[in-house]
């Protein structure tokens, strides 16, 4: 559980850094980090319908599998 929170915080920080630098496409990591920590957004379902949603879903599933073990 502690590892999950650490990874979530790291993704949030990387997402914020990516947003304020030229690496803007990586700023979606902010939302992945928040989701891993436990925050859920109402508009996240709309984001998950697109192509980037497939990437986010794969990342979330990987963490879910690891937390079950």
PDB file of N, CA and C in Angstrom:
ATOM      1  N   UNK A   1       0.823  -1.189   0.000  1.00  0.00           N
ATOM      2  CA  UNK A   1       0.000   0.000   0.000  1.00  0.00           C
ATOM      3  C   UNK A   1       0.869   1.256   0.000  1.00  0.00           C
ATOM      4  N   UNK A   2       1.956   1.237   0.757  1.00  0.00           N
ATOM      5  CA  UNK A   2       2.843   2.393   0.817  1.00  0.00           C
ATOM      6  C   UNK A   2       3.517   2.622  -0.534  1.00  0.00           C
ATOM      7  N   UNK A   3       3.890   1.541  -1.207  1.00  0.00           N
ATOM      8  CA  UNK A   3       4.510   1.646  -2.523  1.00  0.00           C
ATOM      9  C   UNK A   3       3.545   2.265  -3.518  1.00  0.00           C
ATOM     10  N   UNK A   4       2.292   1.887  -3.422  1.00  0.00           N
ATOM     11  CA  UNK A   4       1.268   2.416  -4.317  1.00  0.00           C
ATOM     12  C   UNK A   4       1.141   3.931  -4.149  1.00  0.00           C
ATOM     13  N   UNK A   5       1.158   4.413  -2.921  1.00  0.00           N
ATOM     14  CA  UNK A   5       1.058   5.854  -2.667  1.00  0.00           C
ATOM     15  C   UNK A   5       2.302   6.585  -3.157  1.00  0.00           C
ATOM     16  N   UNK A   6       3.459   5.992  -2.957  1.00  0.00           N
ATOM     17  CA  UNK A   6       4.701   6.616  -3.412  1.00  0.00           C
ATOM     18  C   UNK A   6       4.695   6.749  -4.928  1.00  0.00           C
ATOM     19  N   UNK A   7       4.301   5.695  -5.622  1.00  0.00           N
ATOM     20  CA  UNK A   7       4.237   5.741  -7.084  1.00  0.00           C
ATOM     21  C   UNK A   7       3.207   6.772  -7.534  1.00  0.00           C
ATOM     22  N   UNK A   8       2.083   6.838  -6.850  1.00  0.00           N
ATOM     23  CA  UNK A   8       1.060   7.828  -7.178  1.00  0.00           C
ATOM     24  C   UNK A   8       1.581   9.248  -7.043  1.00  0.00           C
ATOM     25  N   UNK A   9       2.283   9.529  -5.961  1.00  0.00           N
ATOM     26  CA  UNK A   9       2.837  10.871  -5.743  1.00  0.00           C
ATOM     27  C   UNK A   9       3.889  11.191  -6.800  1.00  0.00           C
ATOM     28  N   UNK A  10       4.718  10.226  -7.132  1.00  0.00           N
ATOM     29  CA  UNK A  10       5.735  10.436  -8.171  1.00  0.00           C
ATOM     30  C   UNK A  10       5.070  10.777  -9.500  1.00  0.00           C
ATOM     31  N   UNK A  11       4.011  10.055  -9.864  1.00  0.00           N
ATOM     32  CA  UNK A  11       3.318  10.336 -11.119  1.00  0.00           C
ATOM     33  C   UNK A  11       2.662  11.714 -11.100  1.00  0.00           C
ATOM     34  N   UNK A  12       2.150  12.129  -9.950  1.00  0.00           N
ATOM     35  CA  UNK A  12       1.569  13.476  -9.843  1.00  0.00           C
ATOM     36  C   UNK A  12       2.647  14.529 -10.079  1.00  0.00           C
ATOM     37  N   UNK A  13       3.790  14.370  -9.443  1.00  0.00           N
ATOM     38  CA  UNK A  13       4.883  15.333  -9.598  1.00  0.00           C
ATOM     39  C   UNK A  13       5.370  15.368 -11.046  1.00  0.00           C
ATOM     40  N   UNK A  14       5.561  14.209 -11.652  1.00  0.00           N
ATOM     41  CA  UNK A  14       6.000  14.146 -13.046  1.00  0.00           C
ATOM     42  C   UNK A  14       4.958  14.790 -13.957  1.00  0.00           C
ATOM     43  N   UNK A  15       3.689  14.570 -13.671  1.00  0.00           N
ATOM     44  CA  UNK A  15       2.626  15.171 -14.469  1.00  0.00           C
ATOM     45  C   UNK A  15       2.624  16.680 -14.386  1.00  0.00           C
ATOM     46  N   UNK A  16       2.828  17.220 -13.188  1.00  0.00           N
ATOM     47  CA  UNK A  16       2.877  18.678 -13.023  1.00  0.00           C
ATOM     48  C   UNK A  16       4.097  19.248 -13.735  1.00  0.00           C
ATOM     49  N   UNK A  17       5.240  18.592 -13.589  1.00  0.00           N
ATOM     50  CA  UNK A  17       6.455  19.046 -14.276  1.00  0.00           C
ATOM     51  C   UNK A  17       6.257  18.995 -15.787  1.00  0.00           C
ATOM     52  N   UNK A  18       5.641  17.933 -16.278  1.00  0.00           N
ATOM     53  CA  UNK A  18       5.399  17.808 -17.715  1.00  0.00           C
ATOM     54  C   UNK A  18       4.444  18.887 -18.208  1.00  0.00           C
ATOM     55  N   UNK A  19       3.528  19.310 -17.360  1.00  0.00           N
ATOM     56  CA  UNK A  19       2.558  20.338 -17.756  1.00  0.00           C
ATOM     57  C   UNK A  19       3.215  21.704 -17.906  1.00  0.00           C
ATOM     58  N   UNK A  20       4.165  22.033 -17.039  1.00  0.00           N
ATOM     59  CA  UNK A  20       4.788  23.358 -17.072  1.00  0.00           C
ATOM     60  C   UNK A  20       6.057  23.401 -17.917  1.00  0.00           C
ATOM     61  N   UNK A  21       6.436  22.307 -18.511  1.00  0.00           N
ATOM     62  CA  UNK A  21       7.597  22.255 -19.398  1.00  0.00           C
ATOM     63  C   UNK A  21       7.128  21.870 -20.797  1.00  0.00           C
ATOM     64  N   UNK A  22       8.032  21.797 -21.738  1.00  0.00           N
ATOM     65  CA  UNK A  22       7.638  21.413 -23.102  1.00  0.00           C
ATOM     66  C   UNK A  22       7.131  19.972 -23.230  1.00  0.00           C
ATOM     67  N   UNK A  23       7.156  19.203 -22.159  1.00  0.00           N
ATOM     68  CA  UNK A  23       6.717  17.812 -22.215  1.00  0.00           C
ATOM     69  C   UNK A  23       5.223  17.687 -21.913  1.00  0.00           C
ATOM     70  N   UNK A  24       4.424  18.609 -22.404  1.00  0.00           N
ATOM     71  CA  UNK A  24       2.992  18.672 -22.097  1.00  0.00           C
ATOM     72  C   UNK A  24       2.247  17.367 -22.345  1.00  0.00           C
ATOM     73  N   UNK A  25       2.549  16.582 -23.389  1.00  0.00           N
ATOM     74  CA  UNK A  25       1.789  15.333 -23.554  1.00  0.00           C
ATOM     75  C   UNK A  25       1.907  14.373 -22.369  1.00  0.00           C
ATOM     76  N   UNK A  26       2.918  14.511 -21.563  1.00  0.00           N
ATOM     77  CA  UNK A  26       3.076  13.640 -20.404  1.00  0.00           C
ATOM     78  C   UNK A  26       2.304  14.102 -19.187  1.00  0.00           C
ATOM     79  N   UNK A  27       1.592  15.216 -19.310  1.00  0.00           N
ATOM     80  CA  UNK A  27       0.897  15.762 -18.140  1.00  0.00           C
ATOM     81  C   UNK A  27      -0.283  14.904 -17.701  1.00  0.00           C
ATOM     82  N   UNK A  28      -0.735  13.959 -18.509  1.00  0.00           N
ATOM     83  CA  UNK A  28      -1.822  13.063 -18.106  1.00  0.00           C
ATOM     84  C   UNK A  28      -1.377  12.152 -16.964  1.00  0.00           C
ATOM     85  N   UNK A  29      -0.078  12.045 -16.722  1.00  0.00           N
ATOM     86  CA  UNK A  29       0.406  11.239 -15.599  1.00  0.00           C
ATOM     87  C   UNK A  29      -0.086  11.791 -14.264  1.00  0.00           C
ATOM     88  N   UNK A  30      -0.369  13.090 -14.225  1.00  0.00           N
ATOM     89  CA  UNK A  30      -0.935  13.708 -13.024  1.00  0.00           C
ATOM     90  C   UNK A  30      -2.228  13.011 -12.631  1.00  0.00           C
ATOM     91  N   UNK A  31      -3.098  12.778 -13.611  1.00  0.00           N
ATOM     92  CA  UNK A  31      -4.388  12.145 -13.334  1.00  0.00           C
ATOM     93  C   UNK A  31      -4.228  10.672 -12.958  1.00  0.00           C
ATOM     94  N   UNK A  32      -3.259  10.009 -13.575  1.00  0.00           N
ATOM     95  CA  UNK A  32      -2.997   8.608 -13.225  1.00  0.00           C
ATOM     96  C   UNK A  32      -2.530   8.524 -11.773  1.00  0.00           C
ATOM     97  N   UNK A  33      -1.652   9.443 -11.384  1.00  0.00           N
ATOM     98  CA  UNK A  33      -1.172   9.463 -10.007  1.00  0.00           C
ATOM     99  C   UNK A  33      -2.290   9.694  -9.004  1.00  0.00           C
ATOM    100  N   UNK A  34      -3.173  10.638  -9.315  1.00  0.00           N
ATOM    101  CA  UNK A  34      -4.306  10.885  -8.422  1.00  0.00           C
ATOM    102  C   UNK A  34      -5.216   9.669  -8.334  1.00  0.00           C
ATOM    103  N   UNK A  35      -5.417   9.013  -9.454  1.00  0.00           N
ATOM    104  CA  UNK A  35      -6.279   7.827  -9.480  1.00  0.00           C
ATOM    105  C   UNK A  35      -5.670   6.699  -8.640  1.00  0.00           C
ATOM    106  N   UNK A  36      -4.353   6.539  -8.719  1.00  0.00           N
ATOM    107  CA  UNK A  36      -3.682   5.492  -7.946  1.00  0.00           C
ATOM    108  C   UNK A  36      -3.813   5.772  -6.450  1.00  0.00           C
ATOM    109  N   UNK A  37      -3.686   7.038  -6.079  1.00  0.00           N
ATOM    110  CA  UNK A  37      -3.811   7.395  -4.665  1.00  0.00           C
ATOM    111  C   UNK A  37      -5.237   7.201  -4.174  1.00  0.00           C
ATOM    112  N   UNK A  38      -6.213   7.384  -5.058  1.00  0.00           N
ATOM    113  CA  UNK A  38      -7.593   7.142  -4.639  1.00  0.00           C
ATOM    114  C   UNK A  38      -8.585   8.209  -5.036  1.00  0.00           C
ATOM    115  N   UNK A  39      -8.137   9.272  -5.689  1.00  0.00           N
ATOM    116  CA  UNK A  39      -9.057  10.313  -6.132  1.00  0.00           C
ATOM    117  C   UNK A  39      -9.715   9.890  -7.435  1.00  0.00           C
ATOM    118  N   UNK A  40     -10.990  10.174  -7.560  1.00  0.00           N
ATOM    119  CA  UNK A  40     -11.735   9.819  -8.776  1.00  0.00           C
ATOM    120  C   UNK A  40     -12.424  11.078  -9.277  1.00  0.00           C
ATOM    121  N   UNK A  41     -12.319  11.328 -10.566  1.00  0.00           N
ATOM    122  CA  UNK A  41     -12.928  12.501 -11.167  1.00  0.00           C
ATOM    123  C   UNK A  41     -14.149  12.107 -11.969  1.00  0.00           C
ATOM    124  N   UNK A  42     -15.140  12.988 -11.999  1.00  0.00           N
ATOM    125  CA  UNK A  42     -16.374  12.718 -12.733  1.00  0.00           C
ATOM    126  C   UNK A  42     -16.110  12.625 -14.230  1.00  0.00           C
ATOM    127  N   UNK A  43     -15.168  13.404 -14.731  1.00  0.00           N
ATOM    128  CA  UNK A  43     -14.896  13.405 -16.164  1.00  0.00           C
ATOM    129  C   UNK A  43     -13.918  12.314 -16.584  1.00  0.00           C
ATOM    130  N   UNK A  44     -13.431  11.531 -15.648  1.00  0.00           N
ATOM    131  CA  UNK A  44     -12.462  10.491 -15.978  1.00  0.00           C
ATOM    132  C   UNK A  44     -13.064   9.434 -16.897  1.00  0.00           C
ATOM    133  N   UNK A  45     -14.357   9.160 -16.767  1.00  0.00           N
ATOM    134  CA  UNK A  45     -14.996   8.183 -17.642  1.00  0.00           C
ATOM    135  C   UNK A  45     -14.967   8.644 -19.094  1.00  0.00           C
ATOM    136  N   UNK A  46     -15.109   9.944 -19.320  1.00  0.00           N
ATOM    137  CA  UNK A  46     -15.049  10.485 -20.679  1.00  0.00           C
ATOM    138  C   UNK A  46     -13.638  10.356 -21.244  1.00  0.00           C
ATOM    139  N   UNK A  47     -12.649  10.601 -20.423  1.00  0.00           N
ATOM    140  CA  UNK A  47     -11.258  10.473 -20.866  1.00  0.00           C
ATOM    141  C   UNK A  47     -10.947   9.020 -21.203  1.00  0.00           C
ATOM    142  N   UNK A  48     -11.491   8.102 -20.419  1.00  0.00           N
ATOM    143  CA  UNK A  48     -11.196   6.683 -20.602  1.00  0.00           C
ATOM    144  C   UNK A  48     -11.764   6.127 -21.907  1.00  0.00           C
ATOM    145  N   UNK A  49     -12.676   6.837 -22.547  1.00  0.00           N
ATOM    146  CA  UNK A  49     -13.257   6.354 -23.798  1.00  0.00           C
ATOM    147  C   UNK A  49     -12.301   6.525 -24.978  1.00  0.00           C
ATOM    148  N   UNK A  50     -11.365   7.458 -24.894  1.00  0.00           N
ATOM    149  CA  UNK A  50     -10.446   7.740 -25.990  1.00  0.00           C
ATOM    150  C   UNK A  50      -9.275   6.776 -26.017  1.00  0.00           C
ATOM    151  N   UNK A  51      -8.350   7.039 -26.959  1.00  0.00           N
ATOM    152  CA  UNK A  51      -7.158   6.194 -27.088  1.00  0.00           C
ATOM    153  C   UNK A  51      -6.285   6.266 -25.842  1.00  0.00           C
ATOM    154  N   UNK A  52      -6.153   7.454 -25.285  1.00  0.00           N
ATOM    155  CA  UNK A  52      -5.332   7.573 -24.081  1.00  0.00           C
ATOM    156  C   UNK A  52      -5.962   6.811 -22.921  1.00  0.00           C
ATOM    157  N   UNK A  53      -7.259   6.603 -23.001  1.00  0.00           N
ATOM    158  CA  UNK A  53      -7.944   5.823 -21.978  1.00  0.00           C
ATOM    159  C   UNK A  53      -7.461   4.392 -21.938  1.00  0.00           C
ATOM    160  N   UNK A  54      -7.097   3.859 -23.097  1.00  0.00           N
ATOM    161  CA  UNK A  54      -6.575   2.491 -23.138  1.00  0.00           C
ATOM    162  C   UNK A  54      -5.257   2.399 -22.384  1.00  0.00           C
ATOM    163  N   UNK A  55      -4.423   3.407 -22.551  1.00  0.00           N
ATOM    164  CA  UNK A  55      -3.138   3.431 -21.852  1.00  0.00           C
ATOM    165  C   UNK A  55      -3.365   3.549 -20.345  1.00  0.00           C
ATOM    166  N   UNK A  56      -4.251   4.466 -19.957  1.00  0.00           N
ATOM    167  CA  UNK A  56      -4.543   4.645 -18.534  1.00  0.00           C
ATOM    168  C   UNK A  56      -5.122   3.378 -17.925  1.00  0.00           C
ATOM    169  N   UNK A  57      -5.995   2.709 -18.662  1.00  0.00           N
ATOM    170  CA  UNK A  57      -6.624   1.487 -18.155  1.00  0.00           C
ATOM    171  C   UNK A  57      -5.586   0.386 -17.945  1.00  0.00           C
ATOM    172  N   UNK A  58      -4.628   0.269 -18.879  1.00  0.00           N
ATOM    173  CA  UNK A  58      -3.571  -0.732 -18.733  1.00  0.00           C
ATOM    174  C   UNK A  58      -2.726  -0.452 -17.492  1.00  0.00           C
ATOM    175  N   UNK A  59      -2.405   0.823 -17.262  1.00  0.00           N
ATOM    176  CA  UNK A  59      -1.602   1.187 -16.095  1.00  0.00           C
ATOM    177  C   UNK A  59      -2.364   0.885 -14.812  1.00  0.00           C
ATOM    178  N   UNK A  60      -3.641   1.264 -14.777  1.00  0.00           N
ATOM    179  CA  UNK A  60      -4.449   1.012 -13.580  1.00  0.00           C
ATOM    180  C   UNK A  60      -4.596  -0.480 -13.312  1.00  0.00           C
ATOM    181  N   UNK A  61      -4.817  -1.269 -14.358  1.00  0.00           N
ATOM    182  CA  UNK A  61      -4.960  -2.715 -14.183  1.00  0.00           C
ATOM    183  C   UNK A  61      -3.677  -3.334 -13.650  1.00  0.00           C
ATOM    184  N   UNK A  62      -2.544  -2.832 -14.113  1.00  0.00           N
ATOM    185  CA  UNK A  62      -1.270  -3.355 -13.645  1.00  0.00           C
ATOM    186  C   UNK A  62      -1.115  -3.121 -12.137  1.00  0.00           C
ATOM    187  N   UNK A  63      -1.503  -1.933 -11.661  1.00  0.00           N
ATOM    188  CA  UNK A  63      -1.411  -1.644 -10.233  1.00  0.00           C
ATOM    189  C   UNK A  63      -2.423  -2.448  -9.440  1.00  0.00           C
ATOM    190  N   UNK A  64      -3.590  -2.679  -9.997  1.00  0.00           N
ATOM    191  CA  UNK A  64      -4.594  -3.480  -9.297  1.00  0.00           C
ATOM    192  C   UNK A  64      -4.107  -4.912  -9.129  1.00  0.00           C
ATOM    193  N   UNK A  65      -3.490  -5.465 -10.173  1.00  0.00           N
ATOM    194  CA  UNK A  65      -2.973  -6.832 -10.102  1.00  0.00           C
ATOM    195  C   UNK A  65      -1.871  -6.928  -9.055  1.00  0.00           C
ATOM    196  N   UNK A  66      -1.000  -5.912  -9.019  1.00  0.00           N
ATOM    197  CA  UNK A  66       0.103  -5.928  -8.061  1.00  0.00           C
ATOM    198  C   UNK A  66      -0.383  -5.763  -6.631  1.00  0.00           C
ATOM    199  N   UNK A  67      -1.438  -5.000  -6.420  1.00  0.00           N
ATOM    200  CA  UNK A  67      -1.919  -4.783  -5.056  1.00  0.00           C
ATOM    201  C   UNK A  67      -2.678  -5.993  -4.520  1.00  0.00           C
ATOM    202  N   UNK A  68      -3.216  -6.838  -5.404  1.00  0.00           N
ATOM    203  CA  UNK A  68      -3.944  -8.033  -4.980  1.00  0.00           C
ATOM    204  C   UNK A  68      -2.971  -9.095  -4.495  1.00  0.00           C
ATOM    205  N   UNK A  69      -1.807  -9.158  -5.111  1.00  0.00           N
ATOM    206  CA  UNK A  69      -0.842 -10.210  -4.778  1.00  0.00           C
ATOM    207  C   UNK A  69      -0.249 -10.031  -3.429  1.00  0.00           C
TER     208      UNK A  69
END
